[in-house]
Amino acid sequence: MGAWLAALCAVEREAVADDSELFAMYGPLAAEHSAAAADHVADLHDTEDQQRGSASSGKKNRIVGQRWIRCGG
């Protein structure tokens, strides 16, 4: 895992060096739209809560990690 993370960081550093103007715009853009991202994450949590409710209501469902999987029909 450490080697993979180091390789990923190296690729990211290279990408930033190759297109520094693009990455310079990323910070302000992310800050400008952080509310939309927060809303999206909240929606994901709401969906997960709904799925957990379905799983506990006797349906054949299970939560695997952060992913909901319907088992059977």
C-alpha atoms as a PDB file:
ATOM      1  CA  MET A   1       0.000   0.000   0.000  1.00  0.00           C
ATOM      2  CA  GLY A   2       2.866   2.377   0.809  1.00  0.00           C
ATOM      3  CA  ALA A   3       4.448   1.838  -2.596  1.00  0.00           C
ATOM      4  CA  TRP A   4       1.124   2.471  -4.325  1.00  0.00           C
ATOM      5  CA  LEU A   5       0.581   5.700  -2.369  1.00  0.00           C
ATOM      6  CA  ALA A   6       4.129   6.884  -3.159  1.00  0.00           C
ATOM      7  CA  ALA A   7       3.561   6.166  -6.868  1.00  0.00           C
ATOM      8  CA  LEU A   8       0.234   8.009  -6.776  1.00  0.00           C
ATOM      9  CA  CYS A   9       1.853  11.039  -5.149  1.00  0.00           C
ATOM     10  CA  ALA A  10       4.606  11.017  -7.772  1.00  0.00           C
ATOM     11  CA  VAL A  11       2.035  10.985 -10.570  1.00  0.00           C
ATOM     12  CA  GLU A  12       0.137  13.850  -8.931  1.00  0.00           C
ATOM     13  CA  ARG A  13       3.314  15.920  -8.535  1.00  0.00           C
ATOM     14  CA  GLU A  14       4.125  15.332 -12.201  1.00  0.00           C
ATOM     15  CA  ALA A  15       0.604  16.340 -13.243  1.00  0.00           C
ATOM     16  CA  VAL A  16       0.842  19.556 -11.229  1.00  0.00           C
ATOM     17  CA  ALA A  17       4.216  20.347 -12.773  1.00  0.00           C
ATOM     18  CA  ASP A  18       2.882  19.658 -16.280  1.00  0.00           C
ATOM     19  CA  ASP A  19      -0.259  21.783 -15.881  1.00  0.00           C
ATOM     20  CA  SER A  20       0.280  24.107 -12.938  1.00  0.00           C
ATOM     21  CA  GLU A  21      -2.297  26.605 -14.242  1.00  0.00           C
ATOM     22  CA  LEU A  22      -5.049  23.993 -14.110  1.00  0.00           C
ATOM     23  CA  PHE A  23      -4.176  22.985 -10.567  1.00  0.00           C
ATOM     24  CA  ALA A  24      -3.884  26.625  -9.486  1.00  0.00           C
ATOM     25  CA  MET A  25      -7.575  27.002 -10.394  1.00  0.00           C
ATOM     26  CA  TYR A  26      -8.613  23.884  -8.483  1.00  0.00           C
ATOM     27  CA  GLY A  27      -8.356  25.434  -4.986  1.00  0.00           C
ATOM     28  CA  PRO A  28     -10.595  28.440  -5.645  1.00  0.00           C
ATOM     29  CA  LEU A  29     -13.041  26.307  -7.616  1.00  0.00           C
ATOM     30  CA  ALA A  30     -13.293  23.742  -4.828  1.00  0.00           C
ATOM     31  CA  ALA A  31     -13.768  26.495  -2.239  1.00  0.00           C
ATOM     32  CA  GLU A  32     -16.462  28.138  -4.348  1.00  0.00           C
ATOM     33  CA  HIS A  33     -18.457  24.899  -4.628  1.00  0.00           C
ATOM     34  CA  SER A  34     -17.823  23.379  -1.209  1.00  0.00           C
ATOM     35  CA  ALA A  35     -21.487  23.808  -0.215  1.00  0.00           C
ATOM     36  CA  ALA A  36     -22.572  21.702  -3.198  1.00  0.00           C
ATOM     37  CA  ALA A  37     -20.075  19.015  -2.236  1.00  0.00           C
ATOM     38  CA  ALA A  38     -21.297  19.071   1.375  1.00  0.00           C
ATOM     39  CA  ASP A  39     -24.911  18.726   0.180  1.00  0.00           C
ATOM     40  CA  HIS A  40     -23.930  15.775  -1.999  1.00  0.00           C
ATOM     41  CA  VAL A  41     -22.214  14.026   0.928  1.00  0.00           C
ATOM     42  CA  ALA A  42     -25.278  14.666   3.123  1.00  0.00           C
ATOM     43  CA  ASP A  43     -27.494  13.116   0.433  1.00  0.00           C
ATOM     44  CA  LEU A  44     -25.222  10.071   0.338  1.00  0.00           C
ATOM     45  CA  HIS A  45     -25.532   9.710   4.114  1.00  0.00           C
ATOM     46  CA  ASP A  46     -29.335  10.027   3.896  1.00  0.00           C
ATOM     47  CA  THR A  47     -29.410   7.308   1.239  1.00  0.00           C
ATOM     48  CA  GLU A  48     -27.204   5.078   3.371  1.00  0.00           C
ATOM     49  CA  ASP A  49     -29.508   5.618   6.381  1.00  0.00           C
ATOM     50  CA  GLN A  50     -32.521   4.666   4.246  1.00  0.00           C
ATOM     51  CA  GLN A  51     -30.744   1.541   3.068  1.00  0.00           C
ATOM     52  CA  ARG A  52     -29.847   0.576   6.611  1.00  0.00           C
ATOM     53  CA  GLY A  53     -33.514   0.991   7.532  1.00  0.00           C
ATOM     54  CA  SER A  54     -34.522  -1.335   4.699  1.00  0.00           C
ATOM     55  CA  ALA A  55     -31.916  -3.856   5.813  1.00  0.00           C
ATOM     56  CA  SER A  56     -33.221  -3.869   9.375  1.00  0.00           C
ATOM     57  CA  SER A  57     -36.857  -4.199   8.265  1.00  0.00           C
ATOM     58  CA  GLY A  58     -36.388  -7.847   7.336  1.00  0.00           C
ATOM     59  CA  LYS A  59     -35.470  -7.520   3.671  1.00  0.00           C
ATOM     60  CA  LYS A  60     -32.503  -9.545   2.471  1.00  0.00           C
ATOM     61  CA  ASN A  61     -29.975  -6.747   2.277  1.00  0.00           C
ATOM     62  CA  ARG A  62     -26.563  -6.206   3.776  1.00  0.00           C
ATOM     63  CA  ILE A  63     -24.113  -3.381   4.158  1.00  0.00           C
ATOM     64  CA  VAL A  64     -20.597  -4.177   2.936  1.00  0.00           C
ATOM     65  CA  GLY A  65     -18.189  -1.415   3.881  1.00  0.00           C
ATOM     66  CA  GLN A  66     -19.907   1.744   2.674  1.00  0.00           C
ATOM     67  CA  ARG A  67     -21.740  -0.039  -0.139  1.00  0.00           C
ATOM     68  CA  TRP A  68     -25.276  -1.423   0.068  1.00  0.00           C
ATOM     69  CA  ILE A  69     -25.847  -4.732  -1.670  1.00  0.00           C
ATOM     70  CA  ARG A  70     -29.242  -6.331  -2.280  1.00  0.00           C
ATOM     71  CA  CYS A  71     -29.026 -10.064  -1.704  1.00  0.00           C
ATOM     72  CA  GLY A  72     -31.477 -12.255  -3.530  1.00  0.00           C
ATOM     73  CA  GLY A  73     -34.813 -11.080  -4.895  1.00  0.00           C
END
